[in-house]
Structures are given as structure tokens and as C-alpha cells.
Amino acid sequence: MKRLFRPSRTLTTLAVGFLLLDAVLLIYAGLALDRTLLLVLGGVFAVAAAAVVVVGWPWYRRRLDELERARRDMRAEVESLRDLLQKRHLDN
């Protein structure tokens, strides 16, 4: 049977890297141009990057584990139904 790929941290790493790059550039622009709003937005992006790592990744992994368990349960149920049909010779 075809095995689904196991998710990696690549997408999360790219998202965090992008948010951190945005944060650094906004903070730099805020300091260079003396704009408070840019500094605040840079801080917001830095906090968002931290939130993705601290909150997002474990949440994502738990959901994937739940889906994998449900998939295994469904496979077991399908196999039991298939066995039942074969025992009753209903498998055309």
C-alpha cells in the first residue's frame, strides 16, 4: 500500500524564517527612518514567528497524529468488513 509522506519541519522553518526576516527589516527600517509604527510591526512579526514555533508546530503535530490514528482505525474497519464479506461469499 502507498505510504503517505511524513511531514517535516521545512514549511514551518520557512514560515518562521520569513517572519523573522520581515521583523528584522521592519525594525531596521523603523530605526533608520525613526518610525515607531515600523518598530511596533517588527515586534509583532517577531512575536508571530515565536508563536508559530511554540504554539503552531506542536498543535500541527497533534492534529497529524490524530489523523494518522483515525486512518489506521478506518483501515482496520475496512479490513474487518472485507473479511466479513468474504466469509459470506458476497465479494462478487
Protein backbone atom coordinates (compact mmCIF):
# COMPACT_ATOMS: atom_id res chain seq x y z
CA MET A 1 0.00 0.00 0.00
CA LYS A 2 1.20 3.51 -0.77
CA ARG A 3 2.76 5.22 2.24
CA LEU A 4 2.00 8.91 2.72
CA PHE A 5 4.91 11.22 3.33
CA ARG A 6 5.78 12.11 6.87
CA PRO A 7 5.64 15.88 7.39
CA SER A 8 8.86 17.68 8.04
CA ARG A 9 9.70 20.98 9.64
CA THR A 10 10.59 22.55 6.30
CA LEU A 11 7.40 24.54 5.85
CA THR A 12 7.42 25.73 9.45
CA THR A 13 11.09 26.68 9.18
CA LEU A 14 10.42 28.69 6.02
CA ALA A 15 7.45 30.46 7.61
CA VAL A 16 9.45 31.33 10.73
CA GLY A 17 12.40 32.47 8.65
CA PHE A 18 10.18 34.70 6.53
CA LEU A 19 8.53 36.23 9.61
CA LEU A 20 11.90 36.81 11.26
CA LEU A 21 13.30 38.41 8.11
CA ASP A 22 10.27 40.70 7.98
CA ALA A 23 10.73 41.53 11.66
CA VAL A 24 14.41 42.39 11.25
CA LEU A 25 13.81 44.51 8.15
CA LEU A 26 10.90 46.36 9.73
CA ILE A 27 12.86 47.06 12.92
CA TYR A 28 15.85 48.21 10.88
CA ALA A 29 13.65 50.50 8.75
CA GLY A 30 11.94 51.80 11.89
CA LEU A 31 15.28 52.69 13.46
CA ALA A 32 16.73 54.15 10.26
CA LEU A 33 13.66 56.24 9.45
CA ASP A 34 12.72 56.97 13.06
CA ARG A 35 9.25 55.45 12.60
CA THR A 36 7.62 53.99 15.68
CA LEU A 37 4.95 52.11 13.72
CA LEU A 38 7.59 50.14 11.84
CA LEU A 39 9.27 49.20 15.12
CA VAL A 40 5.95 48.01 16.52
CA LEU A 41 5.19 45.99 13.38
CA GLY A 42 8.67 44.45 13.55
CA GLY A 43 7.96 43.40 17.13
CA VAL A 44 4.61 41.94 16.09
CA PHE A 45 6.28 39.87 13.38
CA ALA A 46 8.95 38.66 15.83
CA VAL A 47 6.24 37.58 18.30
CA ALA A 48 4.32 35.89 15.47
CA ALA A 49 7.42 33.91 14.50
CA ALA A 50 7.87 32.77 18.09
CA ALA A 51 4.18 31.84 18.28
CA VAL A 52 4.46 29.67 15.18
CA VAL A 53 7.31 27.73 16.76
CA VAL A 54 6.00 27.48 20.30
CA VAL A 55 2.29 27.02 19.62
CA GLY A 56 1.88 26.15 15.96
CA TRP A 57 4.23 23.24 15.47
CA PRO A 58 3.09 21.08 18.43
CA TRP A 59 -0.56 21.78 17.52
CA TYR A 60 0.13 20.76 13.93
CA ARG A 61 1.86 17.54 15.03
CA ARG A 62 -1.02 16.59 17.36
CA ARG A 63 -3.54 17.04 14.54
CA LEU A 64 -1.44 14.92 12.20
CA ASP A 65 -1.16 12.18 14.81
CA GLU A 66 -4.94 12.24 15.30
CA LEU A 67 -5.44 11.91 11.54
CA GLU A 68 -2.99 9.01 11.38
CA ARG A 69 -4.81 7.18 14.21
CA ALA A 70 -8.17 7.75 12.52
CA ARG A 71 -6.73 6.46 9.24
CA ARG A 72 -5.46 3.28 10.92
CA ASP A 73 -8.84 2.76 12.60
CA MET A 74 -10.64 3.17 9.29
CA ARG A 75 -8.24 0.72 7.61
CA ALA A 76 -8.91 -1.85 10.34
CA GLU A 77 -12.65 -1.38 9.95
CA VAL A 78 -12.44 -1.78 6.17
CA GLU A 79 -10.39 -4.96 6.58
CA SER A 80 -12.92 -6.40 9.01
CA LEU A 81 -15.77 -5.60 6.60
CA ARG A 82 -13.83 -7.16 3.74
CA ASP A 83 -13.24 -10.33 5.78
CA LEU A 84 -16.92 -10.50 6.70
CA LEU A 85 -17.95 -10.19 3.06
CA GLN A 86 -15.50 -12.88 2.01
CA LYS A 87 -16.79 -15.24 4.70
CA ARG A 88 -20.32 -14.77 3.40
CA HIS A 89 -19.18 -15.06 -0.23
CA LEU A 90 -20.53 -11.64 -1.10
CA ASP A 91 -17.36 -10.37 -2.75
CA ASN A 92 -18.66 -10.62 -6.35
